[in-house]
PDB file of N, CA and C in Angstrom:
ATOM      1  N   UNK A   1      10.912  -5.918  10.215  1.00  0.00           N
ATOM      2  CA  UNK A   1      10.893  -4.923   9.160  1.00  0.00           C
ATOM      3  C   UNK A   1       9.562  -5.037   8.418  1.00  0.00           C
ATOM      4  N   UNK A   2       8.907  -3.928   8.208  1.00  0.00           N
ATOM      5  CA  UNK A   2       7.634  -3.870   7.496  1.00  0.00           C
ATOM      6  C   UNK A   2       7.893  -3.332   6.092  1.00  0.00           C
ATOM      7  N   UNK A   3       7.375  -4.033   5.101  1.00  0.00           N
ATOM      8  CA  UNK A   3       7.539  -3.616   3.714  1.00  0.00           C
ATOM      9  C   UNK A   3       6.206  -3.185   3.155  1.00  0.00           C
ATOM     10  N   UNK A   4       6.197  -2.013   2.518  1.00  0.00           N
ATOM     11  CA  UNK A   4       5.004  -1.524   1.827  1.00  0.00           C
ATOM     12  C   UNK A   4       5.349  -1.292   0.367  1.00  0.00           C
ATOM     13  N   UNK A   5       4.428  -1.697  -0.496  1.00  0.00           N
ATOM     14  CA  UNK A   5       4.550  -1.453  -1.928  1.00  0.00           C
ATOM     15  C   UNK A   5       3.613  -0.289  -2.220  1.00  0.00           C
ATOM     16  N   UNK A   6       4.178   0.813  -2.706  1.00  0.00           N
ATOM     17  CA  UNK A   6       3.395   2.022  -2.922  1.00  0.00           C
ATOM     18  C   UNK A   6       3.266   2.270  -4.423  1.00  0.00           C
ATOM     19  N   UNK A   7       2.037   2.197  -4.930  1.00  0.00           N
ATOM     20  CA  UNK A   7       1.739   2.482  -6.328  1.00  0.00           C
ATOM     21  C   UNK A   7       1.452   3.983  -6.421  1.00  0.00           C
ATOM     22  N   UNK A   8       2.122   4.661  -7.359  1.00  0.00           N
ATOM     23  CA  UNK A   8       2.088   6.116  -7.376  1.00  0.00           C
ATOM     24  C   UNK A   8       1.685   6.645  -8.746  1.00  0.00           C
ATOM     25  N   UNK A   9       0.687   7.541  -8.754  1.00  0.00           N
ATOM     26  CA  UNK A   9       0.318   8.277  -9.965  1.00  0.00           C
ATOM     27  C   UNK A   9       0.998   9.635  -9.903  1.00  0.00           C
ATOM     28  N   UNK A  10       1.568  10.054 -11.027  1.00  0.00           N
ATOM     29  CA  UNK A  10       2.315  11.312 -11.051  1.00  0.00           C
ATOM     30  C   UNK A  10       1.945  12.140 -12.276  1.00  0.00           C
ATOM     31  N   UNK A  11       2.468  13.358 -12.296  1.00  0.00           N
ATOM     32  CA  UNK A  11       2.432  14.165 -13.512  1.00  0.00           C
ATOM     33  C   UNK A  11       3.371  13.479 -14.494  1.00  0.00           C
ATOM     34  N   UNK A  12       2.851  13.069 -15.646  1.00  0.00           N
ATOM     35  CA  UNK A  12       3.663  12.253 -16.558  1.00  0.00           C
ATOM     36  C   UNK A  12       4.863  12.996 -17.131  1.00  0.00           C
ATOM     37  N   UNK A  13       4.816  14.297 -17.150  1.00  0.00           N
ATOM     38  CA  UNK A  13       5.940  15.046 -17.703  1.00  0.00           C
ATOM     39  C   UNK A  13       7.099  15.196 -16.707  1.00  0.00           C
ATOM     40  N   UNK A  14       6.924  14.703 -15.479  1.00  0.00           N
ATOM     41  CA  UNK A  14       7.962  14.832 -14.451  1.00  0.00           C
ATOM     42  C   UNK A  14       8.330  13.497 -13.807  1.00  0.00           C
ATOM     43  N   UNK A  15       8.028  12.399 -14.450  1.00  0.00           N
ATOM     44  CA  UNK A  15       8.257  11.079 -13.843  1.00  0.00           C
ATOM     45  C   UNK A  15       9.708  10.891 -13.376  1.00  0.00           C
ATOM     46  N   UNK A  16      10.719  11.173 -14.193  1.00  0.00           N
ATOM     47  CA  UNK A  16      12.095  10.941 -13.718  1.00  0.00           C
ATOM     48  C   UNK A  16      12.462  11.779 -12.491  1.00  0.00           C
ATOM     49  N   UNK A  17      12.065  13.035 -12.475  1.00  0.00           N
ATOM     50  CA  UNK A  17      12.389  13.912 -11.347  1.00  0.00           C
ATOM     51  C   UNK A  17      11.667  13.472 -10.069  1.00  0.00           C
ATOM     52  N   UNK A  18      10.411  13.080 -10.223  1.00  0.00           N
ATOM     53  CA  UNK A  18       9.636  12.615  -9.073  1.00  0.00           C
ATOM     54  C   UNK A  18      10.221  11.309  -8.548  1.00  0.00           C
ATOM     55  N   UNK A  19      10.578  10.398  -9.444  1.00  0.00           N
ATOM     56  CA  UNK A  19      11.179   9.115  -9.035  1.00  0.00           C
ATOM     57  C   UNK A  19      12.469   9.354  -8.258  1.00  0.00           C
ATOM     58  N   UNK A  20      13.304  10.271  -8.710  1.00  0.00           N
ATOM     59  CA  UNK A  20      14.552  10.572  -8.014  1.00  0.00           C
ATOM     60  C   UNK A  20      14.294  11.167  -6.641  1.00  0.00           C
ATOM     61  N   UNK A  21      13.296  12.039  -6.531  1.00  0.00           N
ATOM     62  CA  UNK A  21      12.954  12.636  -5.235  1.00  0.00           C
ATOM     63  C   UNK A  21      12.468  11.582  -4.256  1.00  0.00           C
ATOM     64  N   UNK A  22      11.646  10.658  -4.746  1.00  0.00           N
ATOM     65  CA  UNK A  22      11.134   9.588  -3.878  1.00  0.00           C
ATOM     66  C   UNK A  22      12.270   8.649  -3.471  1.00  0.00           C
ATOM     67  N   UNK A  23      13.132   8.285  -4.419  1.00  0.00           N
ATOM     68  CA  UNK A  23      14.242   7.374  -4.137  1.00  0.00           C
ATOM     69  C   UNK A  23      15.210   7.953  -3.107  1.00  0.00           C
ATOM     70  N   UNK A  24      15.285   9.266  -3.018  1.00  0.00           N
ATOM     71  CA  UNK A  24      16.201   9.919  -2.067  1.00  0.00           C
ATOM     72  C   UNK A  24      15.671   9.915  -0.636  1.00  0.00           C
ATOM     73  N   UNK A  25      14.399   9.558  -0.453  1.00  0.00           N
ATOM     74  CA  UNK A  25      13.810   9.554   0.892  1.00  0.00           C
ATOM     75  C   UNK A  25      14.329   8.387   1.720  1.00  0.00           C
ATOM     76  N   UNK A  26      14.559   8.650   2.995  1.00  0.00           N
ATOM     77  CA  UNK A  26      14.928   7.580   3.916  1.00  0.00           C
ATOM     78  C   UNK A  26      13.759   6.597   4.001  1.00  0.00           C
ATOM     79  N   UNK A  27      14.028   5.347   4.077  1.00  0.00           N
ATOM     80  CA  UNK A  27      13.062   4.240   4.142  1.00  0.00           C
ATOM     81  C   UNK A  27      12.567   3.784   2.774  1.00  0.00           C
ATOM     82  N   UNK A  28      12.902   4.483   1.714  1.00  0.00           N
ATOM     83  CA  UNK A  28      12.546   4.046   0.362  1.00  0.00           C
ATOM     84  C   UNK A  28      13.752   3.304  -0.201  1.00  0.00           C
ATOM     85  N   UNK A  29      13.569   2.003  -0.484  1.00  0.00           N
ATOM     86  CA  UNK A  29      14.701   1.197  -0.950  1.00  0.00           C
ATOM     87  C   UNK A  29      14.823   1.174  -2.471  1.00  0.00           C
ATOM     88  N   UNK A  30      13.698   1.191  -3.180  1.00  0.00           N
ATOM     89  CA  UNK A  30      13.716   1.197  -4.644  1.00  0.00           C
ATOM     90  C   UNK A  30      12.517   1.964  -5.163  1.00  0.00           C
ATOM     91  N   UNK A  31      12.691   2.503  -6.370  1.00  0.00           N
ATOM     92  CA  UNK A  31      11.572   3.117  -7.090  1.00  0.00           C
ATOM     93  C   UNK A  31      11.648   2.606  -8.523  1.00  0.00           C
ATOM     94  N   UNK A  32      10.529   2.120  -9.029  1.00  0.00           N
ATOM     95  CA  UNK A  32      10.459   1.576 -10.382  1.00  0.00           C
ATOM     96  C   UNK A  32       9.537   2.432 -11.226  1.00  0.00           C
ATOM     97  N   UNK A  33       9.947   2.768 -12.435  1.00  0.00           N
ATOM     98  CA  UNK A  33       9.073   3.404 -13.404  1.00  0.00           C
ATOM     99  C   UNK A  33       8.399   2.268 -14.169  1.00  0.00           C
ATOM    100  N   UNK A  34       7.061   2.291 -14.230  1.00  0.00           N
ATOM    101  CA  UNK A  34       6.329   1.153 -14.778  1.00  0.00           C
ATOM    102  C   UNK A  34       5.265   1.594 -15.788  1.00  0.00           C
ATOM    103  N   UNK A  35       4.763   0.624 -16.528  1.00  0.00           N
ATOM    104  CA  UNK A  35       3.638   0.878 -17.427  1.00  0.00           C
ATOM    105  C   UNK A  35       2.345   0.528 -16.704  1.00  0.00           C
ATOM    106  N   UNK A  36       1.246   0.991 -17.245  1.00  0.00           N
ATOM    107  CA  UNK A  36      -0.044   0.625 -16.665  1.00  0.00           C
ATOM    108  C   UNK A  36      -0.727   1.800 -15.992  1.00  0.00           C
ATOM    109  N   UNK A  37      -1.597   1.494 -15.059  1.00  0.00           N
ATOM    110  CA  UNK A  37      -2.407   2.498 -14.373  1.00  0.00           C
ATOM    111  C   UNK A  37      -1.563   3.458 -13.547  1.00  0.00           C
ATOM    112  N   UNK A  38      -0.472   2.967 -12.973  1.00  0.00           N
ATOM    113  CA  UNK A  38       0.404   3.784 -12.132  1.00  0.00           C
ATOM    114  C   UNK A  38       1.680   4.100 -12.880  1.00  0.00           C
ATOM    115  N   UNK A  39       2.349   5.163 -12.469  1.00  0.00           N
ATOM    116  CA  UNK A  39       3.581   5.593 -13.129  1.00  0.00           C
ATOM    117  C   UNK A  39       4.828   5.088 -12.429  1.00  0.00           C
ATOM    118  N   UNK A  40       4.749   4.978 -11.085  1.00  0.00           N
ATOM    119  CA  UNK A  40       5.892   4.547 -10.290  1.00  0.00           C
ATOM    120  C   UNK A  40       5.449   3.541  -9.235  1.00  0.00           C
ATOM    121  N   UNK A  41       6.375   2.681  -8.839  1.00  0.00           N
ATOM    122  CA  UNK A  41       6.171   1.801  -7.697  1.00  0.00           C
ATOM    123  C   UNK A  41       7.370   1.994  -6.776  1.00  0.00           C
ATOM    124  N   UNK A  42       7.091   2.287  -5.506  1.00  0.00           N
ATOM    125  CA  UNK A  42       8.160   2.466  -4.523  1.00  0.00           C
ATOM    126  C   UNK A  42       8.077   1.362  -3.479  1.00  0.00           C
ATOM    127  N   UNK A  43       9.227   0.868  -3.083  1.00  0.00           N
ATOM    128  CA  UNK A  43       9.324  -0.097  -1.998  1.00  0.00           C
ATOM    129  C   UNK A  43       9.756   0.672  -0.760  1.00  0.00           C
ATOM    130  N   UNK A  44       8.918   0.620   0.270  1.00  0.00           N
ATOM    131  CA  UNK A  44       9.190   1.334   1.520  1.00  0.00           C
ATOM    132  C   UNK A  44       9.395   0.291   2.607  1.00  0.00           C
ATOM    133  N   UNK A  45      10.488   0.424   3.352  1.00  0.00           N
ATOM    134  CA  UNK A  45      10.787  -0.503   4.444  1.00  0.00           C
ATOM    135  C   UNK A  45      10.987   0.298   5.725  1.00  0.00           C
ATOM    136  N   UNK A  46      10.175  -0.024   6.734  1.00  0.00           N
ATOM    137  CA  UNK A  46      10.218   0.686   8.015  1.00  0.00           C
ATOM    138  C   UNK A  46      10.187  -0.309   9.173  1.00  0.00           C
ATOM    139  N   UNK A  47      10.516   0.176  10.360  1.00  0.00           N
ATOM    140  CA  UNK A  47      10.532  -0.686  11.535  1.00  0.00           C
ATOM    141  C   UNK A  47       9.153  -0.849  12.153  1.00  0.00           C
ATOM    142  N   UNK A  48       8.329   0.198  12.094  1.00  0.00           N
ATOM    143  CA  UNK A  48       7.023   0.172  12.760  1.00  0.00           C
ATOM    144  C   UNK A  48       5.935   0.627  11.801  1.00  0.00           C
ATOM    145  N   UNK A  49       4.718   0.146  12.008  1.00  0.00           N
ATOM    146  CA  UNK A  49       3.595   0.553  11.163  1.00  0.00           C
ATOM    147  C   UNK A  49       3.380   2.065  11.195  1.00  0.00           C
ATOM    148  N   UNK A  50       3.563   2.667  12.366  1.00  0.00           N
ATOM    149  CA  UNK A  50       3.395   4.112  12.483  1.00  0.00           C
ATOM    150  C   UNK A  50       4.330   4.877  11.559  1.00  0.00           C
ATOM    151  N   UNK A  51       5.490   4.300  11.264  1.00  0.00           N
ATOM    152  CA  UNK A  51       6.450   4.956  10.389  1.00  0.00           C
ATOM    153  C   UNK A  51       5.936   5.071   8.954  1.00  0.00           C
ATOM    154  N   UNK A  52       5.030   4.168   8.559  1.00  0.00           N
ATOM    155  CA  UNK A  52       4.461   4.244   7.207  1.00  0.00           C
ATOM    156  C   UNK A  52       3.726   5.563   6.998  1.00  0.00           C
ATOM    157  N   UNK A  53       3.013   6.021   8.013  1.00  0.00           N
ATOM    158  CA  UNK A  53       2.279   7.285   7.904  1.00  0.00           C
ATOM    159  C   UNK A  53       3.230   8.459   7.718  1.00  0.00           C
ATOM    160  N   UNK A  54       4.377   8.386   8.357  1.00  0.00           N
ATOM    161  CA  UNK A  54       5.359   9.457   8.222  1.00  0.00           C
ATOM    162  C   UNK A  54       5.957   9.479   6.810  1.00  0.00           C
ATOM    163  N   UNK A  55       6.219   8.297   6.256  1.00  0.00           N
ATOM    164  CA  UNK A  55       6.885   8.214   4.954  1.00  0.00           C
ATOM    165  C   UNK A  55       5.917   8.419   3.791  1.00  0.00           C
ATOM    166  N   UNK A  56       4.786   7.724   3.797  1.00  0.00           N
ATOM    167  CA  UNK A  56       3.923   7.733   2.606  1.00  0.00           C
ATOM    168  C   UNK A  56       3.087   9.011   2.520  1.00  0.00           C
ATOM    169  N   UNK A  57       2.106   9.238   3.390  1.00  0.00           N
ATOM    170  CA  UNK A  57       1.383  10.508   3.271  1.00  0.00           C
ATOM    171  C   UNK A  57       2.209  11.711   3.733  1.00  0.00           C
ATOM    172  N   UNK A  58       3.161  11.469   4.647  1.00  0.00           N
ATOM    173  CA  UNK A  58       3.950  12.568   5.191  1.00  0.00           C
ATOM    174  C   UNK A  58       5.042  13.085   4.292  1.00  0.00           C
ATOM    175  N   UNK A  59       5.591  12.222   3.427  1.00  0.00           N
ATOM    176  CA  UNK A  59       6.694  12.649   2.551  1.00  0.00           C
ATOM    177  C   UNK A  59       6.405  12.399   1.066  1.00  0.00           C
ATOM    178  N   UNK A  60       6.112  11.132   0.727  1.00  0.00           N
ATOM    179  CA  UNK A  60       5.916  10.808  -0.693  1.00  0.00           C
ATOM    180  C   UNK A  60       4.775  11.630  -1.293  1.00  0.00           C
ATOM    181  N   UNK A  61       3.642  11.652  -0.630  1.00  0.00           N
ATOM    182  CA  UNK A  61       2.472  12.347  -1.180  1.00  0.00           C
ATOM    183  C   UNK A  61       2.652  13.854  -1.263  1.00  0.00           C
ATOM    184  N   UNK A  62       3.622  14.387  -0.539  1.00  0.00           N
ATOM    185  CA  UNK A  62       3.854  15.836  -0.546  1.00  0.00           C
ATOM    186  C   UNK A  62       4.852  16.284  -1.611  1.00  0.00           C
ATOM    187  N   UNK A  63       5.437  15.328  -2.320  1.00  0.00           N
ATOM    188  CA  UNK A  63       6.364  15.694  -3.397  1.00  0.00           C
ATOM    189  C   UNK A  63       5.556  16.275  -4.549  1.00  0.00           C
ATOM    190  N   UNK A  64       6.008  17.426  -5.030  1.00  0.00           N
ATOM    191  CA  UNK A  64       5.302  18.095  -6.123  1.00  0.00           C
ATOM    192  C   UNK A  64       5.228  17.183  -7.343  1.00  0.00           C
ATOM    193  N   UNK A  65       4.025  16.981  -7.857  1.00  0.00           N
ATOM    194  CA  UNK A  65       3.810  16.120  -9.013  1.00  0.00           C
ATOM    195  C   UNK A  65       3.216  14.768  -8.671  1.00  0.00           C
ATOM    196  N   UNK A  66       3.241  14.383  -7.386  1.00  0.00           N
ATOM    197  CA  UNK A  66       2.589  13.137  -6.966  1.00  0.00           C
ATOM    198  C   UNK A  66       1.095  13.422  -6.875  1.00  0.00           C
ATOM    199  N   UNK A  67       0.315  12.694  -7.659  1.00  0.00           N
ATOM    200  CA  UNK A  67      -1.131  12.930  -7.735  1.00  0.00           C
ATOM    201  C   UNK A  67      -1.941  11.979  -6.868  1.00  0.00           C
ATOM    202  N   UNK A  68      -1.370  10.830  -6.515  1.00  0.00           N
ATOM    203  CA  UNK A  68      -2.081   9.873  -5.676  1.00  0.00           C
ATOM    204  C   UNK A  68      -1.244   8.644  -5.421  1.00  0.00           C
ATOM    205  N   UNK A  69      -1.569   7.938  -4.334  1.00  0.00           N
ATOM    206  CA  UNK A  69      -0.862   6.707  -3.992  1.00  0.00           C
ATOM    207  C   UNK A  69      -1.865   5.626  -3.606  1.00  0.00           C
ATOM    208  N   UNK A  70      -1.443   4.396  -3.765  1.00  0.00           N
ATOM    209  CA  UNK A  70      -2.207   3.222  -3.338  1.00  0.00           C
ATOM    210  C   UNK A  70      -1.193   2.302  -2.662  1.00  0.00           C
ATOM    211  N   UNK A  71      -1.356   2.067  -1.366  1.00  0.00           N
ATOM    212  CA  UNK A  71      -0.347   1.350  -0.590  1.00  0.00           C
ATOM    213  C   UNK A  71      -0.795  -0.056  -0.244  1.00  0.00           C
ATOM    214  N   UNK A  72       0.127  -0.995  -0.401  1.00  0.00           N
ATOM    215  CA  UNK A  72      -0.096  -2.395  -0.061  1.00  0.00           C
ATOM    216  C   UNK A  72       0.991  -2.822   0.921  1.00  0.00           C
ATOM    217  N   UNK A  73       0.597  -3.309   2.095  1.00  0.00           N
ATOM    218  CA  UNK A  73       1.555  -3.759   3.096  1.00  0.00           C
ATOM    219  C   UNK A  73       1.754  -5.261   2.944  1.00  0.00           C
ATOM    220  N   UNK A  74       3.006  -5.674   2.896  1.00  0.00           N
ATOM    221  CA  UNK A  74       3.340  -7.088   2.719  1.00  0.00           C
ATOM    222  C   UNK A  74       3.171  -7.853   4.026  1.00  0.00           C
ATOM    223  N   UNK A  75       2.533  -9.022   3.951  1.00  0.00           N
ATOM    224  CA  UNK A  75       2.441  -9.918   5.097  1.00  0.00           C
ATOM    225  C   UNK A  75       3.737 -10.695   5.278  1.00  0.00           C
ATOM    226  N   UNK A  76       4.267 -11.172   4.160  1.00  0.00           N
ATOM    227  CA  UNK A  76       5.436 -12.032   4.162  1.00  0.00           C
ATOM    228  C   UNK A  76       6.226 -11.741   2.889  1.00  0.00           C
ATOM    229  N   UNK A  77       7.540 -11.928   2.956  1.00  0.00           N
ATOM    230  CA  UNK A  77       8.390 -11.678   1.799  1.00  0.00           C
ATOM    231  C   UNK A  77       9.018 -12.984   1.338  1.00  0.00           C
ATOM    232  N   UNK A  78       8.941 -13.246   0.058  1.00  0.00           N
ATOM    233  CA  UNK A  78       9.579 -14.407  -0.548  1.00  0.00           C
ATOM    234  C   UNK A  78      10.515 -13.891  -1.636  1.00  0.00           C
ATOM    235  N   UNK A  79      11.729 -14.403  -1.676  1.00  0.00           N
ATOM    236  CA  UNK A  79      12.636 -13.990  -2.746  1.00  0.00           C
ATOM    237  C   UNK A  79      13.573 -15.133  -3.078  1.00  0.00           C
ATOM    238  N   UNK A  80      14.083 -15.138  -4.284  1.00  0.00           N
ATOM    239  CA  UNK A  80      15.022 -16.160  -4.715  1.00  0.00           C
ATOM    240  C   UNK A  80      16.270 -16.125  -3.843  1.00  0.00           C
ATOM    241  N   UNK A  81      16.707 -14.930  -3.482  1.00  0.00           N
ATOM    242  CA  UNK A  81      17.884 -14.774  -2.630  1.00  0.00           C
ATOM    243  C   UNK A  81      17.683 -15.474  -1.286  1.00  0.00           C
ATOM    244  N   UNK A  82      16.524 -15.290  -0.679  1.00  0.00           N
ATOM    245  CA  UNK A  82      16.227 -15.931   0.605  1.00  0.00           C
ATOM    246  C   UNK A  82      16.189 -17.446   0.479  1.00  0.00           C
ATOM    247  N   UNK A  83      15.605 -17.950  -0.602  1.00  0.00           N
ATOM    248  CA  UNK A  83      15.524 -19.395  -0.808  1.00  0.00           C
ATOM    249  C   UNK A  83      16.909 -20.009  -0.990  1.00  0.00           C
ATOM    250  N   UNK A  84      17.765 -19.343  -1.769  1.00  0.00           N
ATOM    251  CA  UNK A  84      19.113 -19.859  -1.987  1.00  0.00           C
ATOM    252  C   UNK A  84      19.896 -19.894  -0.681  1.00  0.00           C
ATOM    253  N   UNK A  85      19.758 -18.871   0.141  1.00  0.00           N
ATOM    254  CA  UNK A  85      20.458 -18.814   1.427  1.00  0.00           C
ATOM    255  C   UNK A  85      19.973 -19.933   2.352  1.00  0.00           C
ATOM    256  N   UNK A  86      18.690 -20.180   2.379  1.00  0.00           N
ATOM    257  CA  UNK A  86      18.133 -21.217   3.248  1.00  0.00           C
ATOM    258  C   UNK A  86      18.619 -22.600   2.848  1.00  0.00           C
ATOM    259  N   UNK A  87      18.689 -22.875   1.541  1.00  0.00           N
ATOM    260  CA  UNK A  87      19.095 -24.193   1.094  1.00  0.00           C
ATOM    261  C   UNK A  87      20.607 -24.405   1.189  1.00  0.00           C
ATOM    262  N   UNK A  88      21.379 -23.342   1.307  1.00  0.00           N
ATOM    263  CA  UNK A  88      22.829 -23.491   1.376  1.00  0.00           C
ATOM    264  C   UNK A  88      23.351 -23.558   2.798  1.00  0.00           C
ATOM    265  N   UNK A  89      22.479 -23.467   3.802  1.00  0.00           N
ATOM    266  CA  UNK A  89      22.913 -23.533   5.198  1.00  0.00           C
ATOM    267  C   UNK A  89      23.570 -24.890   5.456  1.00  0.00           C
ATOM    268  N   UNK A  90      24.765 -24.848   5.984  1.00  0.00           N
ATOM    269  CA  UNK A  90      25.469 -26.078   6.344  1.00  0.00           C
ATOM    270  C   UNK A  90      26.221 -26.744   5.192  1.00  0.00           C
ATOM    271  N   UNK A  91      26.117 -26.203   4.002  1.00  0.00           N
ATOM    272  CA  UNK A  91      26.829 -26.785   2.875  1.00  0.00           C
ATOM    273  C   UNK A  91      28.189 -26.108   2.718  1.00  0.00           C
ATOM    274  N   UNK A  92      29.230 -26.894   2.543  1.00  0.00           N
ATOM    275  CA  UNK A  92      30.559 -26.349   2.296  1.00  0.00           C
ATOM    276  C   UNK A  92      30.788 -26.283   0.808  1.00  0.00           C
ATOM    277  N   UNK A  93      31.322 -25.167   0.375  1.00  0.00           N
ATOM    278  CA  UNK A  93      31.593 -24.995  -1.061  1.00  0.00           C
ATOM    279  C   UNK A  93      32.926 -25.558  -1.435  1.00  0.00           C
TER     280      UNK A  93
END
């Protein structure tokens, strides 16, 4: 599974509507409304690198009100959930 973090600039008067449209797309797992240079951050998860082109410039960037994106592809994923699962292997509760 390939994970991309997509930083999104939008029309500020339509942030909630744009976030909902992006969140409804297949392969988008979460959308966060944030402060700072960007208005939204979307987490995109796909099976192949080629699928990123279909989702990000092919769908996200075409949503009315999306002004620009900056995409970062994750090399590796670390999470508290993964660490807890790894340390609990073989332990009986």
